[in-house]
C-alpha atoms as a PDB file:
ATOM      1  CA  UNK A   1     -15.283   4.714  17.342  1.00  0.00           C
ATOM      2  CA  UNK A   2     -11.893   4.802  15.658  1.00  0.00           C
ATOM      3  CA  UNK A   3     -11.447   5.983  12.116  1.00  0.00           C
ATOM      4  CA  UNK A   4      -9.795   3.887   9.432  1.00  0.00           C
ATOM      5  CA  UNK A   5      -6.758   5.274   7.648  1.00  0.00           C
ATOM      6  CA  UNK A   6      -7.756   7.135   4.505  1.00  0.00           C
ATOM      7  CA  UNK A   7      -6.052   9.571   2.172  1.00  0.00           C
ATOM      8  CA  UNK A   8      -6.991  11.128  -1.154  1.00  0.00           C
ATOM      9  CA  UNK A   9      -4.782  12.025  -4.092  1.00  0.00           C
ATOM     10  CA  UNK A  10      -5.747  13.908  -7.228  1.00  0.00           C
ATOM     11  CA  UNK A  11      -3.763  12.921 -10.288  1.00  0.00           C
ATOM     12  CA  UNK A  12      -3.339  14.294 -13.782  1.00  0.00           C
ATOM     13  CA  UNK A  13      -4.553  11.109 -15.461  1.00  0.00           C
ATOM     14  CA  UNK A  14      -7.743   9.381 -16.522  1.00  0.00           C
ATOM     15  CA  UNK A  15      -9.599   7.062 -14.130  1.00  0.00           C
ATOM     16  CA  UNK A  16      -8.519   4.096 -16.275  1.00  0.00           C
ATOM     17  CA  UNK A  17      -4.852   5.155 -16.129  1.00  0.00           C
ATOM     18  CA  UNK A  18      -5.117   5.378 -12.322  1.00  0.00           C
ATOM     19  CA  UNK A  19      -6.799   1.961 -12.175  1.00  0.00           C
ATOM     20  CA  UNK A  20      -4.103   0.381 -14.347  1.00  0.00           C
ATOM     21  CA  UNK A  21      -1.283   1.902 -12.271  1.00  0.00           C
ATOM     22  CA  UNK A  22      -2.823   0.794  -8.953  1.00  0.00           C
ATOM     23  CA  UNK A  23      -2.931  -2.779 -10.254  1.00  0.00           C
ATOM     24  CA  UNK A  24       0.772  -2.637 -11.190  1.00  0.00           C
ATOM     25  CA  UNK A  25       1.656  -2.955  -7.500  1.00  0.00           C
ATOM     26  CA  UNK A  26       5.375  -3.578  -8.094  1.00  0.00           C
ATOM     27  CA  UNK A  27       5.656  -0.220  -9.845  1.00  0.00           C
ATOM     28  CA  UNK A  28       4.688   1.845  -6.809  1.00  0.00           C
ATOM     29  CA  UNK A  29       4.836  -0.350  -3.661  1.00  0.00           C
ATOM     30  CA  UNK A  30       7.467  -3.014  -4.258  1.00  0.00           C
ATOM     31  CA  UNK A  31       8.160  -6.515  -5.425  1.00  0.00           C
ATOM     32  CA  UNK A  32       5.199  -8.884  -5.309  1.00  0.00           C
ATOM     33  CA  UNK A  33       4.549 -12.487  -6.201  1.00  0.00           C
ATOM     34  CA  UNK A  34       1.202 -13.511  -7.653  1.00  0.00           C
ATOM     35  CA  UNK A  35      -1.244 -11.649  -9.878  1.00  0.00           C
ATOM     36  CA  UNK A  36      -3.562  -8.657  -9.595  1.00  0.00           C
ATOM     37  CA  UNK A  37      -5.615  -8.884 -12.783  1.00  0.00           C
ATOM     38  CA  UNK A  38      -8.883 -10.573 -11.752  1.00  0.00           C
ATOM     39  CA  UNK A  39     -11.189 -10.906  -8.759  1.00  0.00           C
ATOM     40  CA  UNK A  40      -9.956 -13.888  -6.751  1.00  0.00           C
ATOM     41  CA  UNK A  41      -6.306 -13.443  -7.779  1.00  0.00           C
ATOM     42  CA  UNK A  42      -3.849 -13.472  -4.898  1.00  0.00           C
ATOM     43  CA  UNK A  43      -0.535 -11.730  -4.395  1.00  0.00           C
ATOM     44  CA  UNK A  44       2.045 -11.362  -1.652  1.00  0.00           C
ATOM     45  CA  UNK A  45       4.085  -8.279  -0.761  1.00  0.00           C
ATOM     46  CA  UNK A  46       7.204  -8.935   1.305  1.00  0.00           C
ATOM     47  CA  UNK A  47       9.971  -6.871   2.813  1.00  0.00           C
ATOM     48  CA  UNK A  48      11.876  -9.771   4.409  1.00  0.00           C
ATOM     49  CA  UNK A  49      12.284  -9.484   8.150  1.00  0.00           C
ATOM     50  CA  UNK A  50       9.959  -6.481   8.342  1.00  0.00           C
ATOM     51  CA  UNK A  51       6.611  -6.968   6.624  1.00  0.00           C
ATOM     52  CA  UNK A  52       4.617  -9.675   4.863  1.00  0.00           C
ATOM     53  CA  UNK A  53       1.095  -9.258   3.519  1.00  0.00           C
ATOM     54  CA  UNK A  54      -0.997 -11.668   1.489  1.00  0.00           C
ATOM     55  CA  UNK A  55      -3.922 -10.227  -0.457  1.00  0.00           C
ATOM     56  CA  UNK A  56      -6.891 -11.556  -2.420  1.00  0.00           C
ATOM     57  CA  UNK A  57      -8.425  -9.296  -5.045  1.00  0.00           C
ATOM     58  CA  UNK A  58     -11.960  -8.749  -3.736  1.00  0.00           C
ATOM     59  CA  UNK A  59     -13.229  -6.241  -6.309  1.00  0.00           C
ATOM     60  CA  UNK A  60     -12.083  -4.753  -9.613  1.00  0.00           C
ATOM     61  CA  UNK A  61     -14.208  -2.229 -11.477  1.00  0.00           C
ATOM     62  CA  UNK A  62     -12.125  -0.713 -14.291  1.00  0.00           C
ATOM     63  CA  UNK A  63     -11.685   3.017 -13.800  1.00  0.00           C
ATOM     64  CA  UNK A  64     -13.690   2.926 -10.541  1.00  0.00           C
ATOM     65  CA  UNK A  65     -12.573   0.516  -7.801  1.00  0.00           C
ATOM     66  CA  UNK A  66      -9.787  -1.772  -6.622  1.00  0.00           C
ATOM     67  CA  UNK A  67     -10.249  -3.718  -3.378  1.00  0.00           C
ATOM     68  CA  UNK A  68      -7.894  -6.171  -1.668  1.00  0.00           C
ATOM     69  CA  UNK A  69      -8.688  -8.435   1.295  1.00  0.00           C
ATOM     70  CA  UNK A  70      -5.716  -9.197   3.578  1.00  0.00           C
ATOM     71  CA  UNK A  71      -5.521 -12.982   3.865  1.00  0.00           C
ATOM     72  CA  UNK A  72      -2.419 -13.027   6.060  1.00  0.00           C
ATOM     73  CA  UNK A  73       0.167 -10.653   7.429  1.00  0.00           C
ATOM     74  CA  UNK A  74       3.234 -10.298   9.592  1.00  0.00           C
ATOM     75  CA  UNK A  75       4.475  -6.972  10.947  1.00  0.00           C
ATOM     76  CA  UNK A  76       7.662  -7.252  13.001  1.00  0.00           C
ATOM     77  CA  UNK A  77       7.294  -3.855  14.721  1.00  0.00           C
ATOM     78  CA  UNK A  78       4.116  -4.465  16.773  1.00  0.00           C
ATOM     79  CA  UNK A  79       3.209  -7.100  19.364  1.00  0.00           C
ATOM     80  CA  UNK A  80       0.248  -8.384  17.331  1.00  0.00           C
ATOM     81  CA  UNK A  81       2.277  -9.371  14.283  1.00  0.00           C
ATOM     82  CA  UNK A  82      -0.879 -10.330  12.367  1.00  0.00           C
ATOM     83  CA  UNK A  83      -2.706  -7.073  12.953  1.00  0.00           C
ATOM     84  CA  UNK A  84      -3.641  -6.632   9.272  1.00  0.00           C
ATOM     85  CA  UNK A  85      -5.311 -10.052   8.940  1.00  0.00           C
ATOM     86  CA  UNK A  86      -8.904  -9.673   7.769  1.00  0.00           C
ATOM     87  CA  UNK A  87      -8.571  -5.980   6.890  1.00  0.00           C
ATOM     88  CA  UNK A  88      -9.449  -4.476   3.508  1.00  0.00           C
ATOM     89  CA  UNK A  89      -7.484  -2.080   1.304  1.00  0.00           C
ATOM     90  CA  UNK A  90      -9.656  -0.043  -1.065  1.00  0.00           C
ATOM     91  CA  UNK A  91      -8.950   2.425  -3.879  1.00  0.00           C
ATOM     92  CA  UNK A  92     -12.029   4.374  -5.035  1.00  0.00           C
ATOM     93  CA  UNK A  93     -11.408   6.184  -8.327  1.00  0.00           C
ATOM     94  CA  UNK A  94     -13.461   9.045  -9.790  1.00  0.00           C
ATOM     95  CA  UNK A  95     -12.952  11.541 -12.593  1.00  0.00           C
ATOM     96  CA  UNK A  96     -13.090  15.189 -11.545  1.00  0.00           C
ATOM     97  CA  UNK A  97     -12.725  18.502 -13.386  1.00  0.00           C
ATOM     98  CA  UNK A  98      -9.199  18.876 -12.004  1.00  0.00           C
ATOM     99  CA  UNK A  99      -8.112  15.297 -12.763  1.00  0.00           C
ATOM    100  CA  UNK A 100      -8.838  11.945 -11.184  1.00  0.00           C
ATOM    101  CA  UNK A 101      -9.385  11.489  -7.462  1.00  0.00           C
ATOM    102  CA  UNK A 102      -8.176   8.292  -5.812  1.00  0.00           C
ATOM    103  CA  UNK A 103      -9.527   7.747  -2.304  1.00  0.00           C
ATOM    104  CA  UNK A 104      -7.405   5.162  -0.518  1.00  0.00           C
ATOM    105  CA  UNK A 105      -8.791   3.490   2.621  1.00  0.00           C
ATOM    106  CA  UNK A 106      -7.283   0.726   4.726  1.00  0.00           C
ATOM    107  CA  UNK A 107     -10.401  -0.513   6.508  1.00  0.00           C
ATOM    108  CA  UNK A 108      -9.352  -2.061   9.807  1.00  0.00           C
ATOM    109  CA  UNK A 109      -6.244   0.096  10.134  1.00  0.00           C
ATOM    110  CA  UNK A 110      -7.971   2.217  12.742  1.00  0.00           C
ATOM    111  CA  UNK A 111      -6.504   4.936  14.931  1.00  0.00           C
ATOM    112  CA  UNK A 112      -6.675   2.697  18.003  1.00  0.00           C
ATOM    113  CA  UNK A 113      -4.560  -0.194  16.654  1.00  0.00           C
ATOM    114  CA  UNK A 114      -0.869  -0.361  17.621  1.00  0.00           C
ATOM    115  CA  UNK A 115       0.576  -0.140  14.103  1.00  0.00           C
ATOM    116  CA  UNK A 116      -1.603   2.805  13.080  1.00  0.00           C
ATOM    117  CA  UNK A 117       1.056   5.535  13.249  1.00  0.00           C
ATOM    118  CA  UNK A 118       3.789   3.538  11.513  1.00  0.00           C
ATOM    119  CA  UNK A 119       1.467   1.944   8.952  1.00  0.00           C
ATOM    120  CA  UNK A 120      -0.373   5.197   8.196  1.00  0.00           C
ATOM    121  CA  UNK A 121       2.966   6.911   7.639  1.00  0.00           C
ATOM    122  CA  UNK A 122       4.077   4.146   5.276  1.00  0.00           C
ATOM    123  CA  UNK A 123       0.801   4.277   3.334  1.00  0.00           C
ATOM    124  CA  UNK A 124       1.155   8.062   3.140  1.00  0.00           C
ATOM    125  CA  UNK A 125       4.588   7.668   1.552  1.00  0.00           C
ATOM    126  CA  UNK A 126       3.481   5.000  -0.896  1.00  0.00           C
ATOM    127  CA  UNK A 127       0.059   6.395  -1.873  1.00  0.00           C
ATOM    128  CA  UNK A 128       0.603  10.168  -1.705  1.00  0.00           C
ATOM    129  CA  UNK A 129       4.064  10.076  -3.254  1.00  0.00           C
ATOM    130  CA  UNK A 130       4.987   6.818  -4.997  1.00  0.00           C
ATOM    131  CA  UNK A 131       1.565   5.887  -6.412  1.00  0.00           C
ATOM    132  CA  UNK A 132       0.798   9.486  -7.404  1.00  0.00           C
ATOM    133  CA  UNK A 133       4.117   9.745  -9.263  1.00  0.00           C
ATOM    134  CA  UNK A 134       3.620   6.318 -10.838  1.00  0.00           C
ATOM    135  CA  UNK A 135       0.169   7.253 -12.154  1.00  0.00           C
ATOM    136  CA  UNK A 136       1.334  10.603 -13.512  1.00  0.00           C
ATOM    137  CA  UNK A 137       4.819   9.752 -14.828  1.00  0.00           C
ATOM    138  CA  UNK A 138       5.111   5.968 -14.995  1.00  0.00           C
ATOM    139  CA  UNK A 139       7.893   6.050 -12.392  1.00  0.00           C
ATOM    140  CA  UNK A 140       7.098   5.281  -8.757  1.00  0.00           C
ATOM    141  CA  UNK A 141       9.290   4.933  -5.678  1.00  0.00           C
ATOM    142  CA  UNK A 142       8.724   1.329  -4.551  1.00  0.00           C
ATOM    143  CA  UNK A 143      10.774  -0.390  -1.854  1.00  0.00           C
ATOM    144  CA  UNK A 144      13.797  -2.041  -3.368  1.00  0.00           C
ATOM    145  CA  UNK A 145      16.290  -4.266  -1.612  1.00  0.00           C
ATOM    146  CA  UNK A 146      19.024  -6.752  -2.473  1.00  0.00           C
ATOM    147  CA  UNK A 147      18.502 -10.467  -2.201  1.00  0.00           C
ATOM    148  CA  UNK A 148      15.571 -12.762  -2.696  1.00  0.00           C
ATOM    149  CA  UNK A 149      14.987 -13.736   0.918  1.00  0.00           C
ATOM    150  CA  UNK A 150      16.645 -11.416   3.408  1.00  0.00           C
ATOM    151  CA  UNK A 151      17.547  -7.838   4.004  1.00  0.00           C
ATOM    152  CA  UNK A 152      21.085  -7.250   5.126  1.00  0.00           C
ATOM    153  CA  UNK A 153      21.147  -6.137   8.783  1.00  0.00           C
ATOM    154  CA  UNK A 154      21.986  -2.528   7.903  1.00  0.00           C
ATOM    155  CA  UNK A 155      19.144  -2.435   5.307  1.00  0.00           C
ATOM    156  CA  UNK A 156      16.627  -3.726   7.860  1.00  0.00           C
ATOM    157  CA  UNK A 157      17.756  -1.124  10.363  1.00  0.00           C
ATOM    158  CA  UNK A 158      17.645   1.608   7.694  1.00  0.00           C
ATOM    159  CA  UNK A 159      13.991   0.781   6.952  1.00  0.00           C
ATOM    160  CA  UNK A 160      13.103   1.045  10.640  1.00  0.00           C
ATOM    161  CA  UNK A 161      15.046   4.321  10.964  1.00  0.00           C
ATOM    162  CA  UNK A 162      13.383   5.747   7.862  1.00  0.00           C
ATOM    163  CA  UNK A 163       9.917   5.057   9.236  1.00  0.00           C
ATOM    164  CA  UNK A 164      10.871   6.464  12.658  1.00  0.00           C
ATOM    165  CA  UNK A 165      12.368   9.596  11.085  1.00  0.00           C
ATOM    166  CA  UNK A 166       9.315  10.161   8.923  1.00  0.00           C
ATOM    167  CA  UNK A 167       7.043   9.834  11.967  1.00  0.00           C
ATOM    168  CA  UNK A 168       9.188  12.233  14.000  1.00  0.00           C
ATOM    169  CA  UNK A 169       9.197  14.817  11.204  1.00  0.00           C
ATOM    170  CA  UNK A 170       5.469  14.568  10.599  1.00  0.00           C
END
């Protein structure tokens, strides 16, 4: 049985601060359309020409849990472009003596699926670095690009190279 991607961060913040930051998706992941404030809300994350994901908020428990169901996806770097469809992204939040622990799991992003290495690396960058910084300082490192609809060819290539370099360098 394959394991789902999971990672844990410990942050110097309260569980409610972590919860609030997770729900401000644009602050740590990148530009979204839609809303993330109530169960049933839907939002879309897009890096044009590379990645599209539609999400429905499946669970929100302030200071404890955020869960998104992937309603649709497109990944240009694997043969099954809709590999994320029907998967679940979960953030479990708990106060600890040393801060707040956030356990991130992408259920369905298992070690045996083709995008696992690339997607796990991307989640690692966004959760372990951007989200952690956003929770602790209010400044994350979300994807940013010019234009409303398309990446310029060199920007698209740079994203692919950045992911490949990160994978090669562990």
